C-alpha atoms as a PDB file:
ATOM      1  CA  UNK A   1      -0.346 -25.536  13.469  1.00  0.00           C
ATOM      2  CA  UNK A   2      -1.246 -22.199  12.579  1.00  0.00           C
ATOM      3  CA  UNK A   3      -3.683 -20.164  14.463  1.00  0.00           C
ATOM      4  CA  UNK A   4      -4.996 -16.567  14.633  1.00  0.00           C
ATOM      5  CA  UNK A   5      -4.565 -14.038  17.779  1.00  0.00           C
ATOM      6  CA  UNK A   6      -5.805 -10.722  19.718  1.00  0.00           C
ATOM      7  CA  UNK A   7      -3.010  -8.838  19.630  1.00  0.00           C
ATOM      8  CA  UNK A   8      -3.394  -5.235  21.790  1.00  0.00           C
ATOM      9  CA  UNK A   9      -1.012  -2.007  22.131  1.00  0.00           C
ATOM     10  CA  UNK A  10      -1.430   0.220  25.280  1.00  0.00           C
ATOM     11  CA  UNK A  11      -0.377   3.526  24.980  1.00  0.00           C
ATOM     12  CA  UNK A  12       0.277   5.289  28.411  1.00  0.00           C
ATOM     13  CA  UNK A  13      -0.925   9.050  27.766  1.00  0.00           C
ATOM     14  CA  UNK A  14      -3.361  10.901  30.421  1.00  0.00           C
ATOM     15  CA  UNK A  15      -5.120   8.210  30.319  1.00  0.00           C
ATOM     16  CA  UNK A  16      -3.859   4.566  29.024  1.00  0.00           C
ATOM     17  CA  UNK A  17      -5.825   3.933  25.803  1.00  0.00           C
ATOM     18  CA  UNK A  18      -5.323  -0.100  24.269  1.00  0.00           C
ATOM     19  CA  UNK A  19      -5.843  -0.927  20.538  1.00  0.00           C
ATOM     20  CA  UNK A  20      -6.491  -3.989  18.893  1.00  0.00           C
ATOM     21  CA  UNK A  21      -5.174  -6.173  16.097  1.00  0.00           C
ATOM     22  CA  UNK A  22      -5.052  -9.849  14.807  1.00  0.00           C
ATOM     23  CA  UNK A  23      -1.846 -11.695  14.358  1.00  0.00           C
ATOM     24  CA  UNK A  24      -0.886 -14.920  12.515  1.00  0.00           C
ATOM     25  CA  UNK A  25       1.018 -17.663  14.354  1.00  0.00           C
ATOM     26  CA  UNK A  26       2.566 -20.957  13.736  1.00  0.00           C
ATOM     27  CA  UNK A  27       3.024 -23.017  16.782  1.00  0.00           C
ATOM     28  CA  UNK A  28       3.861 -26.850  18.127  1.00  0.00           C
ATOM     29  CA  UNK A  29       2.737 -25.939  21.231  1.00  0.00           C
ATOM     30  CA  UNK A  30       6.594 -24.658  22.951  1.00  0.00           C
ATOM     31  CA  UNK A  31       7.759 -22.536  19.653  1.00  0.00           C
ATOM     32  CA  UNK A  32       5.940 -19.668  18.251  1.00  0.00           C
ATOM     33  CA  UNK A  33       6.530 -18.238  15.303  1.00  0.00           C
ATOM     34  CA  UNK A  34       5.034 -15.095  13.989  1.00  0.00           C
ATOM     35  CA  UNK A  35       3.839 -15.374  10.153  1.00  0.00           C
ATOM     36  CA  UNK A  36       2.249 -12.063   9.905  1.00  0.00           C
ATOM     37  CA  UNK A  37       0.236  -9.367  11.759  1.00  0.00           C
ATOM     38  CA  UNK A  38      -1.913  -6.230  11.913  1.00  0.00           C
ATOM     39  CA  UNK A  39      -1.763  -4.169  14.869  1.00  0.00           C
ATOM     40  CA  UNK A  40      -3.763  -1.149  15.921  1.00  0.00           C
ATOM     41  CA  UNK A  41      -6.468  -1.870  13.807  1.00  0.00           C
ATOM     42  CA  UNK A  42      -9.503  -0.475  16.038  1.00  0.00           C
ATOM     43  CA  UNK A  43     -10.093   0.517  19.706  1.00  0.00           C
ATOM     44  CA  UNK A  44     -13.016  -2.172  20.252  1.00  0.00           C
ATOM     45  CA  UNK A  45     -12.057  -5.332  21.577  1.00  0.00           C
ATOM     46  CA  UNK A  46     -15.020  -7.334  20.832  1.00  0.00           C
ATOM     47  CA  UNK A  47     -15.137  -6.816  17.027  1.00  0.00           C
ATOM     48  CA  UNK A  48     -11.534  -7.538  16.813  1.00  0.00           C
ATOM     49  CA  UNK A  49     -12.326 -11.014  18.721  1.00  0.00           C
ATOM     50  CA  UNK A  50     -15.068 -11.807  16.532  1.00  0.00           C
ATOM     51  CA  UNK A  51     -12.840 -11.582  13.077  1.00  0.00           C
ATOM     52  CA  UNK A  52     -10.127 -13.601  14.869  1.00  0.00           C
ATOM     53  CA  UNK A  53     -12.587 -16.233  15.855  1.00  0.00           C
ATOM     54  CA  UNK A  54     -13.750 -15.876  12.253  1.00  0.00           C
ATOM     55  CA  UNK A  55     -10.450 -16.483  10.552  1.00  0.00           C
ATOM     56  CA  UNK A  56      -9.951 -19.656  12.878  1.00  0.00           C
ATOM     57  CA  UNK A  57     -13.103 -21.446  12.590  1.00  0.00           C
ATOM     58  CA  UNK A  58     -13.183 -21.040   8.841  1.00  0.00           C
ATOM     59  CA  UNK A  59      -9.250 -22.144   8.785  1.00  0.00           C
ATOM     60  CA  UNK A  60      -8.729 -18.577   6.663  1.00  0.00           C
ATOM     61  CA  UNK A  61      -5.590 -19.197   4.262  1.00  0.00           C
ATOM     62  CA  UNK A  62      -2.804 -16.601   4.883  1.00  0.00           C
ATOM     63  CA  UNK A  63      -2.858 -15.745   1.124  1.00  0.00           C
ATOM     64  CA  UNK A  64      -6.475 -13.897   1.978  1.00  0.00           C
ATOM     65  CA  UNK A  65      -5.460 -12.334   5.239  1.00  0.00           C
ATOM     66  CA  UNK A  66      -4.449  -8.704   3.737  1.00  0.00           C
ATOM     67  CA  UNK A  67      -7.825  -9.264   2.042  1.00  0.00           C
ATOM     68  CA  UNK A  68     -10.068  -9.435   5.260  1.00  0.00           C
ATOM     69  CA  UNK A  69      -7.584  -6.399   7.017  1.00  0.00           C
ATOM     70  CA  UNK A  70      -8.328  -4.534   3.408  1.00  0.00           C
ATOM     71  CA  UNK A  71     -11.954  -5.187   4.280  1.00  0.00           C
ATOM     72  CA  UNK A  72     -12.268  -4.389   7.951  1.00  0.00           C
ATOM     73  CA  UNK A  73     -10.506  -1.283   7.126  1.00  0.00           C
ATOM     74  CA  UNK A  74     -12.993   0.088   4.099  1.00  0.00           C
ATOM     75  CA  UNK A  75     -15.351  -1.186   6.618  1.00  0.00           C
END
């Protein structure tokens, strides 16, 4: 089953800074395969989680994944 998930990267500088992204994975419950990902898109976790939820709820086809990210960046 393919699904979109929230990703995060924390950078340790003076203060920890966390950025969020989105990945598309294929999973059968035990094995996970990374199909594509876009990391470090925003420091707004709620905004990225909302996008992840929308992609999953609407069964976003992977051929449109990059277009969604381009729209997010252009926003």
